[in-house]
Every structure is written in structure tokens, then in C-alpha cells.
């Protein structure tokens, strides 16, 4: 197959690749800050929920790095359709397994939380609620634009779609984080966050399976 410079690609394709790269860089920056802050606050306060939220951010950061690799292959100056398809397939598989890892961690942390009743330092929970609020507001918009760019009639990227589903998962978990920390702070309902997180697992498994199979 003939090798072609990305500048020779259709203008719409160039714009879509650029949009996908911008969204990926935004994700990398967001997840770095969110993950580090959540893990540190989780360790200081003894909150399993905050720690889980931070590790979720770390998984999403890894997924975004895989996606960046795939997009930069296409935007690197010279490429061909066969190579882009191979890289897309590998990136989609890796993103799918990242969703599986996230589902396993959510399951393990939720079950552990239900059977381990530990005291959380609620004085630090206000900062965790603030982090959750920022993610709850920002992640749905980020996921929306990723899904729009990844659509079959546009970039047609299963890897970007899987990454968007992780953004949706982050948005859902941020709501769980807010509810859990608020309930613990006000009413002592330590179990609420663990039960709510379990609802997310079927969605993660479904999207992970579809990404791996290339459906």
C-alpha cells in the first residue's frame, strides 16, 4: 500500500485526528492531577473510596497514553492505512483490558469496603468532595466529545471509544465519591459508596469485551 503524508489526507480526517489528540492531551493532564491528589488525600484520610478513585485515574492515564501512541502514529508525518489499522487494533485491545482491570479493582475495593469498616478522617473529605465535583462536571463533556470524534462516520476509532467509556466511568465514580464522602461525613453511611460502585461493573465489562473483540 502506498505510503502517504498526513497532509495529503482528506481535510476532515486531519481535523478529526487533531481533535482526538487535543482531547487526549487534556485527559493526560486531568488524570495526572486528579490521580495524584486523590491518592495522596486517600492515604492521609484513610479513605478507600478516594484511593480507588485515584487508582481509577491512574488506569485512565495509562489508557490515554496508549491512545496517544495510536494517534501519533497516524499524525506522525508518514503513514499508511494498513499500519494505522494494526495500531488501532492493538490500542483497542489494550484499552479493553484496561477496562477489565478497572472493573476488577472496583469489584475488589467495593467488596473489601463492605467487609472492612474503618474510620475515615472526615476533615479531609471536603477536598475529596471538591475533586469529585470537578470530575462530575468535566468528565461527561470530555466523554461526549470523544464519542463524537470516535463515531463510525468520523474517525471510526474503537480505541478512542473505549477511552471515552473510561471517562464516563470516571464521571460515574466521581458521583459515587461525592455521595460516599458526603454520607460518611454527615450520617456515617460508610457502606453507600461501595454498593453504588458495584453497579458500574457490568458496563465496564461490556465495553471492555467489545473493545477487545473489535465490535
N, C-alpha and C. Protein backbone atom coordinates (compact mmCIF):
# COMPACT_ATOMS: atom_id res chain seq x y z
N UNK A 1 0.85 -1.20 0.00
CA UNK A 1 0.00 0.00 0.00
C UNK A 1 0.88 1.24 0.00
N UNK A 2 0.49 2.22 -0.74
CA UNK A 2 1.28 3.44 -0.87
C UNK A 2 1.30 4.22 0.44
N UNK A 3 2.50 4.68 0.81
CA UNK A 3 2.66 5.50 2.00
C UNK A 3 2.31 6.94 1.65
N UNK A 4 1.55 7.61 2.51
CA UNK A 4 1.15 8.98 2.23
C UNK A 4 1.36 9.86 3.46
N UNK A 5 1.70 11.11 3.20
CA UNK A 5 1.85 12.08 4.28
C UNK A 5 0.49 12.47 4.80
N UNK A 6 0.42 12.74 6.13
CA UNK A 6 -0.87 13.08 6.70
C UNK A 6 -1.44 14.34 6.09
N UNK A 7 -0.57 15.22 5.59
CA UNK A 7 -1.05 16.45 4.95
C UNK A 7 -1.82 16.14 3.67
N UNK A 8 -1.61 14.94 3.10
CA UNK A 8 -2.31 14.55 1.89
C UNK A 8 -3.63 13.87 2.19
N UNK A 9 -3.92 13.60 3.45
CA UNK A 9 -5.19 13.00 3.83
C UNK A 9 -6.31 14.01 3.63
N UNK A 10 -7.55 13.54 3.54
CA UNK A 10 -8.67 14.46 3.42
C UNK A 10 -8.69 15.45 4.58
N UNK A 11 -9.04 16.70 4.33
CA UNK A 11 -9.02 17.73 5.39
C UNK A 11 -9.83 17.34 6.61
N UNK A 12 -10.99 16.69 6.40
CA UNK A 12 -11.81 16.32 7.54
C UNK A 12 -11.09 15.31 8.43
N UNK A 13 -10.35 14.38 7.82
CA UNK A 13 -9.60 13.40 8.59
C UNK A 13 -8.51 14.07 9.42
N UNK A 14 -7.81 15.03 8.83
CA UNK A 14 -6.77 15.74 9.56
C UNK A 14 -7.34 16.47 10.76
N UNK A 15 -8.50 17.10 10.58
CA UNK A 15 -9.15 17.83 11.67
C UNK A 15 -9.54 16.88 12.79
N UNK A 16 -10.09 15.70 12.43
CA UNK A 16 -10.53 14.73 13.44
C UNK A 16 -9.35 14.18 14.24
N UNK A 17 -8.25 13.88 13.57
CA UNK A 17 -7.07 13.39 14.28
C UNK A 17 -6.56 14.47 15.23
N UNK A 18 -6.56 15.73 14.78
CA UNK A 18 -6.14 16.82 15.64
C UNK A 18 -7.05 16.98 16.85
N UNK A 19 -8.36 16.85 16.63
CA UNK A 19 -9.30 16.94 17.75
C UNK A 19 -9.08 15.81 18.75
N UNK A 20 -8.86 14.60 18.23
CA UNK A 20 -8.62 13.45 19.11
C UNK A 20 -7.35 13.63 19.93
N UNK A 21 -6.30 14.17 19.31
CA UNK A 21 -5.06 14.43 20.04
C UNK A 21 -5.27 15.47 21.13
N UNK A 22 -6.01 16.53 20.83
CA UNK A 22 -6.28 17.57 21.83
C UNK A 22 -7.03 16.98 23.02
N UNK A 23 -8.04 16.17 22.75
CA UNK A 23 -8.81 15.55 23.82
C UNK A 23 -7.93 14.61 24.65
N UNK A 24 -7.01 13.93 23.99
CA UNK A 24 -6.12 13.01 24.69
C UNK A 24 -5.14 13.76 25.59
N UNK A 25 -4.59 14.86 25.10
CA UNK A 25 -3.70 15.67 25.94
C UNK A 25 -4.45 16.25 27.13
N UNK A 26 -5.69 16.67 26.94
CA UNK A 26 -6.50 17.16 28.05
C UNK A 26 -6.70 16.07 29.09
N UNK A 27 -6.95 14.85 28.61
CA UNK A 27 -7.14 13.71 29.52
C UNK A 27 -5.87 13.42 30.31
N UNK A 28 -4.72 13.45 29.65
CA UNK A 28 -3.46 13.17 30.33
C UNK A 28 -3.21 14.17 31.46
N UNK A 29 -3.43 15.45 31.17
CA UNK A 29 -3.23 16.47 32.20
C UNK A 29 -4.20 16.32 33.35
N UNK A 30 -5.46 16.11 33.01
CA UNK A 30 -6.50 15.99 34.03
C UNK A 30 -6.24 14.80 34.94
N UNK A 31 -5.97 13.64 34.34
CA UNK A 31 -5.81 12.42 35.12
C UNK A 31 -4.56 12.43 35.98
N UNK A 32 -3.52 13.12 35.52
CA UNK A 32 -2.30 13.23 36.33
C UNK A 32 -2.58 13.98 37.62
N UNK A 33 -3.24 15.13 37.50
CA UNK A 33 -3.55 15.94 38.68
C UNK A 33 -4.58 15.23 39.57
N UNK A 34 -5.65 14.75 38.95
CA UNK A 34 -6.73 14.11 39.71
C UNK A 34 -6.24 12.86 40.43
N UNK A 35 -5.47 12.03 39.73
CA UNK A 35 -4.99 10.79 40.34
C UNK A 35 -4.05 11.04 41.49
N UNK A 36 -3.08 11.94 41.32
CA UNK A 36 -2.12 12.22 42.38
C UNK A 36 -2.81 12.80 43.61
N UNK A 37 -3.72 13.76 43.39
CA UNK A 37 -4.41 14.39 44.52
C UNK A 37 -5.29 13.39 45.26
N UNK A 38 -5.99 12.54 44.52
CA UNK A 38 -6.90 11.58 45.15
C UNK A 38 -6.15 10.53 45.96
N UNK A 39 -5.05 10.02 45.42
CA UNK A 39 -4.28 9.00 46.13
C UNK A 39 -3.66 9.58 47.40
N UNK A 40 -3.08 10.78 47.30
CA UNK A 40 -2.48 11.41 48.48
C UNK A 40 -3.54 11.67 49.55
N UNK A 41 -4.68 12.25 49.15
CA UNK A 41 -5.75 12.51 50.11
C UNK A 41 -6.32 11.22 50.69
N UNK A 42 -6.42 10.18 49.86
CA UNK A 42 -6.92 8.89 50.33
C UNK A 42 -6.02 8.28 51.38
N UNK A 43 -4.71 8.36 51.15
CA UNK A 43 -3.76 7.83 52.13
C UNK A 43 -3.78 8.63 53.42
N UNK A 44 -3.87 9.95 53.31
CA UNK A 44 -3.87 10.79 54.51
C UNK A 44 -5.14 10.63 55.34
N UNK A 45 -6.28 10.45 54.65
CA UNK A 45 -7.56 10.37 55.36
C UNK A 45 -7.97 8.95 55.70
N UNK A 46 -7.31 7.96 55.07
CA UNK A 46 -7.71 6.58 55.28
C UNK A 46 -8.96 6.21 54.52
N UNK A 47 -9.26 6.93 53.44
CA UNK A 47 -10.48 6.69 52.66
C UNK A 47 -10.19 5.72 51.51
N UNK A 48 -10.77 4.52 51.56
CA UNK A 48 -10.63 3.57 50.46
C UNK A 48 -11.25 4.11 49.19
N UNK A 49 -12.33 4.85 49.33
CA UNK A 49 -13.02 5.39 48.16
C UNK A 49 -12.14 6.38 47.41
N UNK A 50 -11.46 7.26 48.14
CA UNK A 50 -10.56 8.22 47.49
C UNK A 50 -9.36 7.50 46.85
N UNK A 51 -8.84 6.50 47.53
CA UNK A 51 -7.73 5.74 46.96
C UNK A 51 -8.17 5.05 45.68
N UNK A 52 -9.36 4.44 45.68
CA UNK A 52 -9.87 3.76 44.50
C UNK A 52 -10.08 4.74 43.35
N UNK A 53 -10.56 5.93 43.67
CA UNK A 53 -10.77 6.95 42.66
C UNK A 53 -9.43 7.36 42.04
N UNK A 54 -8.40 7.46 42.88
CA UNK A 54 -7.09 7.82 42.38
C UNK A 54 -6.49 6.74 41.50
N UNK A 55 -6.67 5.48 41.88
CA UNK A 55 -6.15 4.37 41.06
C UNK A 55 -6.93 4.27 39.75
N UNK A 56 -8.23 4.55 39.80
CA UNK A 56 -9.02 4.61 38.57
C UNK A 56 -8.43 5.66 37.63
N UNK A 57 -8.04 6.81 38.17
CA UNK A 57 -7.43 7.86 37.36
C UNK A 57 -6.12 7.38 36.75
N UNK A 58 -5.34 6.58 37.51
CA UNK A 58 -4.08 6.05 37.01
C UNK A 58 -4.31 5.08 35.86
N UNK A 59 -5.35 4.24 35.96
CA UNK A 59 -5.70 3.32 34.87
C UNK A 59 -6.08 4.12 33.63
N UNK A 60 -6.88 5.17 33.81
CA UNK A 60 -7.28 6.00 32.68
C UNK A 60 -6.09 6.73 32.08
N UNK A 61 -5.14 7.10 32.90
CA UNK A 61 -3.93 7.74 32.41
C UNK A 61 -3.16 6.79 31.49
N UNK A 62 -3.04 5.53 31.90
CA UNK A 62 -2.37 4.53 31.06
C UNK A 62 -3.11 4.33 29.74
N UNK A 63 -4.44 4.29 29.80
CA UNK A 63 -5.25 4.14 28.60
C UNK A 63 -5.04 5.32 27.66
N UNK A 64 -4.97 6.53 28.23
CA UNK A 64 -4.76 7.72 27.40
C UNK A 64 -3.39 7.71 26.74
N UNK A 65 -2.38 7.16 27.42
CA UNK A 65 -1.04 7.05 26.83
C UNK A 65 -1.05 6.08 25.65
N UNK A 66 -1.79 4.99 25.79
CA UNK A 66 -1.93 4.03 24.68
C UNK A 66 -2.62 4.71 23.50
N UNK A 67 -3.67 5.44 23.78
CA UNK A 67 -4.40 6.14 22.72
C UNK A 67 -3.52 7.19 22.05
N UNK A 68 -2.72 7.90 22.84
CA UNK A 68 -1.80 8.89 22.28
C UNK A 68 -0.83 8.23 21.31
N UNK A 69 -0.31 7.07 21.68
CA UNK A 69 0.57 6.30 20.80
C UNK A 69 -0.12 6.00 19.47
N UNK A 70 -1.36 5.55 19.53
CA UNK A 70 -2.10 5.22 18.31
C UNK A 70 -2.31 6.45 17.42
N UNK A 71 -2.70 7.58 18.05
CA UNK A 71 -2.99 8.79 17.27
C UNK A 71 -1.73 9.40 16.67
N UNK A 72 -0.62 9.34 17.40
CA UNK A 72 0.61 9.93 16.90
C UNK A 72 1.20 9.11 15.76
N UNK A 73 0.89 7.82 15.72
CA UNK A 73 1.30 7.01 14.57
C UNK A 73 0.67 7.57 13.30
N UNK A 74 -0.62 7.90 13.39
CA UNK A 74 -1.31 8.43 12.21
C UNK A 74 -0.91 9.86 11.91
N UNK A 75 -0.61 10.63 12.96
CA UNK A 75 -0.30 12.05 12.77
C UNK A 75 1.20 12.31 12.69
N UNK A 76 2.00 11.26 12.59
CA UNK A 76 3.44 11.42 12.67
C UNK A 76 4.12 11.90 11.41
N UNK A 77 3.40 12.16 10.36
CA UNK A 77 4.01 12.67 9.15
C UNK A 77 3.86 11.72 7.98
N UNK A 78 4.19 10.44 8.17
CA UNK A 78 4.01 9.45 7.12
C UNK A 78 3.35 8.22 7.71
N UNK A 79 2.40 7.70 7.01
CA UNK A 79 1.68 6.51 7.48
C UNK A 79 0.99 5.85 6.31
N UNK A 80 0.45 4.70 6.53
CA UNK A 80 -0.39 4.05 5.53
C UNK A 80 -1.57 3.42 6.24
N UNK A 81 -2.60 3.14 5.50
CA UNK A 81 -3.85 2.67 6.08
C UNK A 81 -3.69 1.36 6.83
N UNK A 82 -2.86 0.45 6.31
CA UNK A 82 -2.68 -0.85 6.95
C UNK A 82 -2.02 -0.69 8.32
N UNK A 83 -1.02 0.19 8.41
CA UNK A 83 -0.33 0.38 9.68
C UNK A 83 -1.25 1.03 10.71
N UNK A 84 -2.02 2.02 10.28
CA UNK A 84 -2.96 2.67 11.18
C UNK A 84 -3.97 1.66 11.70
N UNK A 85 -4.43 0.76 10.85
CA UNK A 85 -5.40 -0.25 11.26
C UNK A 85 -4.79 -1.22 12.27
N UNK A 86 -3.53 -1.60 12.07
CA UNK A 86 -2.86 -2.50 13.02
C UNK A 86 -2.69 -1.84 14.38
N UNK A 87 -2.24 -0.58 14.36
CA UNK A 87 -2.05 0.14 15.62
C UNK A 87 -3.37 0.38 16.32
N UNK A 88 -4.40 0.72 15.54
CA UNK A 88 -5.74 0.92 16.11
C UNK A 88 -6.22 -0.35 16.81
N UNK A 89 -5.97 -1.50 16.17
CA UNK A 89 -6.42 -2.77 16.76
C UNK A 89 -5.69 -3.04 18.08
N UNK A 90 -4.39 -2.83 18.09
CA UNK A 90 -3.63 -3.06 19.32
C UNK A 90 -4.07 -2.10 20.42
N UNK A 91 -4.26 -0.84 20.05
CA UNK A 91 -4.68 0.15 21.04
C UNK A 91 -6.05 -0.18 21.59
N UNK A 92 -6.95 -0.65 20.73
CA UNK A 92 -8.29 -1.01 21.17
C UNK A 92 -8.24 -2.18 22.15
N UNK A 93 -7.39 -3.18 21.86
CA UNK A 93 -7.25 -4.34 22.75
C UNK A 93 -6.70 -3.91 24.10
N UNK A 94 -5.66 -3.08 24.11
CA UNK A 94 -5.07 -2.62 25.37
C UNK A 94 -6.06 -1.79 26.18
N UNK A 95 -6.82 -0.93 25.48
CA UNK A 95 -7.84 -0.13 26.17
C UNK A 95 -8.91 -1.02 26.77
N UNK A 96 -9.28 -2.10 26.04
CA UNK A 96 -10.27 -3.03 26.55
C UNK A 96 -9.81 -3.74 27.81
N UNK A 97 -8.55 -4.18 27.82
CA UNK A 97 -8.01 -4.82 29.02
C UNK A 97 -7.90 -3.83 30.18
N UNK A 98 -7.64 -2.55 29.86
CA UNK A 98 -7.62 -1.54 30.91
C UNK A 98 -8.99 -1.41 31.57
N UNK A 99 -10.05 -1.54 30.78
CA UNK A 99 -11.41 -1.52 31.33
C UNK A 99 -11.65 -2.74 32.23
N UNK A 100 -11.13 -3.89 31.83
CA UNK A 100 -11.25 -5.09 32.66
C UNK A 100 -10.53 -4.89 34.00
N UNK A 101 -9.32 -4.31 33.94
CA UNK A 101 -8.56 -4.06 35.17
C UNK A 101 -9.33 -3.12 36.08
N UNK A 102 -9.91 -2.10 35.49
CA UNK A 102 -10.69 -1.15 36.28
C UNK A 102 -11.89 -1.83 36.93
N UNK A 103 -12.58 -2.72 36.17
CA UNK A 103 -13.72 -3.44 36.72
C UNK A 103 -13.31 -4.33 37.88
N UNK A 104 -12.18 -5.02 37.75
CA UNK A 104 -11.68 -5.88 38.82
C UNK A 104 -11.33 -5.07 40.07
N UNK A 105 -10.73 -3.91 39.85
CA UNK A 105 -10.36 -3.10 41.01
C UNK A 105 -11.59 -2.55 41.72
N UNK A 106 -12.58 -2.11 40.94
CA UNK A 106 -13.82 -1.61 41.54
C UNK A 106 -14.49 -2.71 42.35
N UNK A 107 -14.52 -3.94 41.78
CA UNK A 107 -15.12 -5.07 42.49
C UNK A 107 -14.37 -5.36 43.79
N UNK A 108 -13.04 -5.45 43.70
CA UNK A 108 -12.24 -5.79 44.88
C UNK A 108 -12.36 -4.72 45.96
N UNK A 109 -12.25 -3.46 45.57
CA UNK A 109 -12.31 -2.39 46.56
C UNK A 109 -13.70 -2.27 47.17
N UNK A 110 -14.75 -2.52 46.37
CA UNK A 110 -16.11 -2.44 46.90
C UNK A 110 -16.39 -3.55 47.91
N UNK A 111 -16.01 -4.79 47.55
CA UNK A 111 -16.22 -5.92 48.45
C UNK A 111 -15.40 -5.73 49.73
N UNK A 112 -14.14 -5.30 49.57
CA UNK A 112 -13.31 -5.07 50.74
C UNK A 112 -13.90 -3.98 51.62
N UNK A 113 -14.43 -2.93 51.00
CA UNK A 113 -15.02 -1.85 51.77
C UNK A 113 -16.24 -2.29 52.55
N UNK A 114 -17.02 -3.21 51.97
CA UNK A 114 -18.23 -3.69 52.65
C UNK A 114 -17.89 -4.55 53.87
N UNK A 115 -16.76 -5.24 53.81
CA UNK A 115 -16.41 -6.13 54.90
C UNK A 115 -15.40 -5.51 55.87
N UNK A 116 -14.91 -4.32 55.54
CA UNK A 116 -13.94 -3.65 56.40
C UNK A 116 -14.48 -2.29 56.81
N UNK A 117 -14.93 -2.20 58.00
CA UNK A 117 -15.48 -0.94 58.50
C UNK A 117 -14.36 -0.18 59.21
N UNK A 118 -13.81 0.81 58.52
CA UNK A 118 -12.72 1.57 59.09
C UNK A 118 -13.12 3.03 59.21
N UNK A 119 -12.49 3.75 60.11
CA UNK A 119 -12.81 5.14 60.37
C UNK A 119 -12.06 6.04 59.39
N UNK A 120 -12.79 6.92 58.71
CA UNK A 120 -12.19 7.86 57.77
C UNK A 120 -12.06 9.23 58.41
N UNK A 121 -10.95 9.90 58.12
CA UNK A 121 -10.75 11.26 58.62
C UNK A 121 -11.62 12.20 57.79
N UNK A 122 -12.78 12.55 58.31
CA UNK A 122 -13.73 13.35 57.54
C UNK A 122 -13.30 14.80 57.39
N UNK A 123 -12.30 15.24 58.13
CA UNK A 123 -11.83 16.62 57.98
C UNK A 123 -11.21 16.84 56.61
N UNK A 124 -10.66 15.78 56.02
CA UNK A 124 -10.05 15.89 54.70
C UNK A 124 -11.04 15.57 53.58
N UNK A 125 -12.25 15.12 53.94
CA UNK A 125 -13.20 14.70 52.92
C UNK A 125 -13.72 15.85 52.07
N UNK A 126 -13.67 17.07 52.59
CA UNK A 126 -14.14 18.23 51.81
C UNK A 126 -13.31 18.40 50.54
N UNK A 127 -11.99 18.16 50.64
CA UNK A 127 -11.14 18.24 49.46
C UNK A 127 -11.48 17.12 48.48
N UNK A 128 -11.78 15.94 48.99
CA UNK A 128 -12.19 14.85 48.12
C UNK A 128 -13.50 15.15 47.41
N UNK A 129 -14.44 15.77 48.12
CA UNK A 129 -15.71 16.16 47.51
C UNK A 129 -15.47 17.18 46.40
N UNK A 130 -14.53 18.09 46.61
CA UNK A 130 -14.20 19.09 45.59
C UNK A 130 -13.63 18.44 44.34
N UNK A 131 -12.73 17.46 44.53
CA UNK A 131 -12.16 16.73 43.39
C UNK A 131 -13.26 16.00 42.63
N UNK A 132 -14.15 15.34 43.38
CA UNK A 132 -15.26 14.62 42.75
C UNK A 132 -16.18 15.56 41.99
N UNK A 133 -16.42 16.74 42.55
CA UNK A 133 -17.28 17.69 41.87
C UNK A 133 -16.70 18.16 40.55
N UNK A 134 -15.39 18.41 40.52
CA UNK A 134 -14.73 18.82 39.28
C UNK A 134 -14.83 17.73 38.22
N UNK A 135 -14.62 16.47 38.63
CA UNK A 135 -14.71 15.36 37.68
C UNK A 135 -16.14 15.15 37.21
N UNK A 136 -17.11 15.29 38.12
CA UNK A 136 -18.52 15.10 37.76
C UNK A 136 -18.97 16.12 36.73
N UNK A 137 -18.43 17.32 36.79
CA UNK A 137 -18.78 18.36 35.83
C UNK A 137 -18.03 18.21 34.51
N UNK A 138 -16.74 17.84 34.59
CA UNK A 138 -15.92 17.83 33.38
C UNK A 138 -15.94 16.54 32.58
N UNK A 139 -16.00 15.39 33.24
CA UNK A 139 -15.90 14.12 32.53
C UNK A 139 -17.03 13.87 31.51
N UNK A 140 -18.30 14.19 31.82
CA UNK A 140 -19.35 13.97 30.82
C UNK A 140 -19.11 14.73 29.52
N UNK A 141 -18.61 15.96 29.62
CA UNK A 141 -18.33 16.74 28.42
C UNK A 141 -17.16 16.14 27.64
N UNK A 142 -16.11 15.72 28.35
CA UNK A 142 -14.97 15.11 27.69
C UNK A 142 -15.37 13.82 26.99
N UNK A 143 -16.16 13.00 27.67
CA UNK A 143 -16.62 11.74 27.07
C UNK A 143 -17.51 11.99 25.87
N UNK A 144 -18.37 13.00 25.95
CA UNK A 144 -19.28 13.33 24.85
C UNK A 144 -18.50 13.66 23.58
N UNK A 145 -17.48 14.49 23.70
CA UNK A 145 -16.70 14.89 22.52
C UNK A 145 -15.84 13.74 22.01
N UNK A 146 -15.35 12.89 22.91
CA UNK A 146 -14.58 11.72 22.47
C UNK A 146 -15.46 10.77 21.67
N UNK A 147 -16.67 10.51 22.16
CA UNK A 147 -17.58 9.63 21.43
C UNK A 147 -17.98 10.22 20.09
N UNK A 148 -18.13 11.53 20.05
CA UNK A 148 -18.49 12.19 18.79
C UNK A 148 -17.37 12.03 17.76
N UNK A 149 -16.12 12.24 18.18
CA UNK A 149 -14.99 12.12 17.26
C UNK A 149 -14.76 10.66 16.88
N UNK A 150 -15.00 9.73 17.82
CA UNK A 150 -14.74 8.31 17.58
C UNK A 150 -15.81 7.61 16.76
N UNK A 151 -16.91 8.27 16.45
CA UNK A 151 -18.06 7.65 15.77
C UNK A 151 -17.66 7.02 14.44
N UNK A 152 -18.36 5.95 14.03
CA UNK A 152 -18.02 5.25 12.79
C UNK A 152 -18.00 6.14 11.55
N UNK A 153 -18.84 7.16 11.53
CA UNK A 153 -18.88 8.04 10.36
C UNK A 153 -17.88 9.18 10.45
N UNK A 154 -17.01 9.16 11.49
CA UNK A 154 -16.00 10.20 11.63
C UNK A 154 -14.62 9.55 11.71
N UNK A 155 -13.96 9.51 12.88
CA UNK A 155 -12.64 8.90 12.96
C UNK A 155 -12.71 7.39 12.96
N UNK A 156 -13.83 6.84 13.42
CA UNK A 156 -14.04 5.39 13.48
C UNK A 156 -12.95 4.71 14.30
N UNK A 157 -12.78 5.16 15.53
CA UNK A 157 -11.73 4.65 16.41
C UNK A 157 -12.34 3.94 17.61
N UNK A 158 -12.17 2.62 17.65
CA UNK A 158 -12.65 1.85 18.80
C UNK A 158 -11.81 2.15 20.04
N UNK A 159 -10.53 2.45 19.86
CA UNK A 159 -9.67 2.79 20.99
C UNK A 159 -10.13 4.09 21.64
N UNK A 160 -10.50 5.08 20.83
CA UNK A 160 -10.99 6.34 21.38
C UNK A 160 -12.34 6.14 22.06
N UNK A 161 -13.17 5.26 21.51
CA UNK A 161 -14.46 4.98 22.15
C UNK A 161 -14.24 4.32 23.52
N UNK A 162 -13.32 3.36 23.60
CA UNK A 162 -13.03 2.72 24.88
C UNK A 162 -12.50 3.74 25.89
N UNK A 163 -11.67 4.67 25.41
CA UNK A 163 -11.16 5.71 26.29
C UNK A 163 -12.30 6.63 26.76
N UNK A 164 -13.26 6.88 25.88
CA UNK A 164 -14.43 7.69 26.26
C UNK A 164 -15.26 6.99 27.33
N UNK A 165 -15.37 5.67 27.23
CA UNK A 165 -16.13 4.93 28.23
C UNK A 165 -15.44 4.99 29.59
N UNK A 166 -14.12 5.06 29.60
CA UNK A 166 -13.42 5.22 30.87
C UNK A 166 -13.68 6.61 31.46
N UNK A 167 -13.85 7.61 30.58
CA UNK A 167 -14.21 8.94 31.07
C UNK A 167 -15.61 8.93 31.68
N UNK A 168 -16.52 8.17 31.06
CA UNK A 168 -17.86 8.02 31.62
C UNK A 168 -17.79 7.32 32.98
N UNK A 169 -16.95 6.29 33.04
CA UNK A 169 -16.77 5.58 34.32
C UNK A 169 -16.23 6.52 35.38
N UNK A 170 -15.30 7.39 34.99
CA UNK A 170 -14.74 8.35 35.94
C UNK A 170 -15.82 9.32 36.42
N UNK A 171 -16.67 9.77 35.49
CA UNK A 171 -17.75 10.66 35.88
C UNK A 171 -18.72 10.00 36.85
N UNK A 172 -19.03 8.72 36.58
CA UNK A 172 -19.93 7.99 37.48
C UNK A 172 -19.28 7.80 38.84
N UNK A 173 -18.02 7.40 38.85
CA UNK A 173 -17.33 7.19 40.11
C UNK A 173 -17.18 8.50 40.90
N UNK A 174 -17.08 9.61 40.18
CA UNK A 174 -16.99 10.89 40.89
C UNK A 174 -18.28 11.19 41.65
N UNK A 175 -19.42 10.81 41.05
CA UNK A 175 -20.70 10.98 41.75
C UNK A 175 -20.76 10.06 42.96
N UNK A 176 -20.29 8.82 42.77
CA UNK A 176 -20.20 7.88 43.89
C UNK A 176 -19.29 8.44 44.98
N UNK A 177 -18.18 9.04 44.57
CA UNK A 177 -17.23 9.63 45.52
C UNK A 177 -17.90 10.73 46.34
N UNK A 178 -18.61 11.62 45.65
CA UNK A 178 -19.29 12.72 46.35
C UNK A 178 -20.33 12.18 47.33
N UNK A 179 -21.15 11.24 46.86
CA UNK A 179 -22.19 10.66 47.71
C UNK A 179 -21.58 9.95 48.91
N UNK A 180 -20.54 9.15 48.63
CA UNK A 180 -19.94 8.38 49.71
C UNK A 180 -19.29 9.24 50.76
N UNK A 181 -18.48 10.22 50.32
CA UNK A 181 -17.81 11.09 51.28
C UNK A 181 -18.79 11.98 52.04
N UNK A 182 -19.82 12.46 51.33
CA UNK A 182 -20.81 13.32 51.99
C UNK A 182 -21.61 12.52 53.01
N UNK A 183 -22.03 11.30 52.61
CA UNK A 183 -22.81 10.47 53.53
C UNK A 183 -21.98 10.07 54.76
N UNK A 184 -20.71 9.76 54.52
CA UNK A 184 -19.83 9.41 55.64
C UNK A 184 -19.63 10.60 56.57
N UNK A 185 -19.47 11.77 55.96
CA UNK A 185 -19.22 12.98 56.74
C UNK A 185 -20.44 13.38 57.57
N UNK A 186 -21.65 13.26 56.97
CA UNK A 186 -22.86 13.75 57.64
C UNK A 186 -23.58 12.69 58.46
N UNK A 187 -23.66 11.45 57.89
CA UNK A 187 -24.51 10.44 58.52
C UNK A 187 -23.78 9.18 58.96
N UNK A 188 -22.51 9.04 58.56
CA UNK A 188 -21.79 7.82 58.90
C UNK A 188 -22.18 6.63 58.03
N UNK A 189 -22.75 6.88 56.82
CA UNK A 189 -23.14 5.78 55.91
C UNK A 189 -21.92 5.33 55.12
N UNK A 190 -21.02 4.62 55.75
CA UNK A 190 -19.75 4.22 55.14
C UNK A 190 -19.93 3.21 54.00
N UNK A 191 -21.06 2.49 53.97
CA UNK A 191 -21.27 1.41 53.01
C UNK A 191 -21.81 1.89 51.66
N UNK A 192 -22.35 3.12 51.59
CA UNK A 192 -23.07 3.57 50.40
C UNK A 192 -22.19 3.60 49.15
N UNK A 193 -20.96 4.09 49.28
CA UNK A 193 -20.09 4.20 48.12
C UNK A 193 -19.74 2.85 47.52
N UNK A 194 -19.56 1.84 48.37
CA UNK A 194 -19.20 0.51 47.88
C UNK A 194 -20.34 -0.14 47.11
N UNK A 195 -21.56 -0.02 47.61
CA UNK A 195 -22.72 -0.60 46.93
C UNK A 195 -22.95 0.07 45.57
N UNK A 196 -22.86 1.39 45.53
CA UNK A 196 -23.10 2.12 44.29
C UNK A 196 -22.05 1.80 43.24
N UNK A 197 -20.80 1.62 43.65
CA UNK A 197 -19.72 1.33 42.70
C UNK A 197 -19.92 0.00 41.98
N UNK A 198 -20.56 -0.96 42.65
CA UNK A 198 -20.78 -2.27 42.04
C UNK A 198 -21.67 -2.19 40.80
N UNK A 199 -22.53 -1.18 40.72
CA UNK A 199 -23.43 -1.03 39.57
C UNK A 199 -22.65 -0.75 38.30
N UNK A 200 -21.47 -0.18 38.43
CA UNK A 200 -20.67 0.20 37.26
C UNK A 200 -20.01 -0.99 36.58
N UNK A 201 -19.82 -2.09 37.28
CA UNK A 201 -19.02 -3.20 36.77
C UNK A 201 -19.56 -3.80 35.47
N UNK A 202 -20.86 -4.08 35.32
CA UNK A 202 -21.34 -4.64 34.05
C UNK A 202 -21.05 -3.76 32.84
N UNK A 203 -21.15 -2.45 33.00
CA UNK A 203 -20.85 -1.53 31.91
C UNK A 203 -19.38 -1.62 31.51
N UNK A 204 -18.49 -1.67 32.48
CA UNK A 204 -17.07 -1.76 32.18
C UNK A 204 -16.73 -3.06 31.47
N UNK A 205 -17.31 -4.16 31.92
CA UNK A 205 -17.04 -5.47 31.30
C UNK A 205 -17.56 -5.50 29.87
N UNK A 206 -18.75 -4.98 29.65
CA UNK A 206 -19.35 -4.95 28.31
C UNK A 206 -18.48 -4.15 27.34
N UNK A 207 -18.09 -2.95 27.73
CA UNK A 207 -17.30 -2.11 26.84
C UNK A 207 -15.90 -2.68 26.65
N UNK A 208 -15.32 -3.28 27.68
CA UNK A 208 -14.02 -3.91 27.54
C UNK A 208 -14.06 -5.07 26.56
N UNK A 209 -15.10 -5.91 26.65
CA UNK A 209 -15.23 -7.05 25.74
C UNK A 209 -15.38 -6.59 24.29
N UNK A 210 -16.18 -5.54 24.08
CA UNK A 210 -16.40 -5.04 22.72
C UNK A 210 -15.13 -4.43 22.15
N UNK A 211 -14.34 -3.75 22.99
CA UNK A 211 -13.10 -3.16 22.51
C UNK A 211 -12.09 -4.24 22.12
N UNK A 212 -12.01 -5.31 22.91
CA UNK A 212 -11.07 -6.39 22.62
C UNK A 212 -11.48 -7.16 21.36
N UNK A 213 -12.76 -7.38 21.20
CA UNK A 213 -13.25 -8.11 20.01
C UNK A 213 -13.30 -7.24 18.78
N UNK A 214 -13.20 -5.92 18.97
CA UNK A 214 -13.25 -5.02 17.82
C UNK A 214 -14.65 -4.82 17.30
N UNK A 215 -15.65 -4.95 18.19
CA UNK A 215 -17.04 -4.80 17.76
C UNK A 215 -17.45 -3.33 17.81
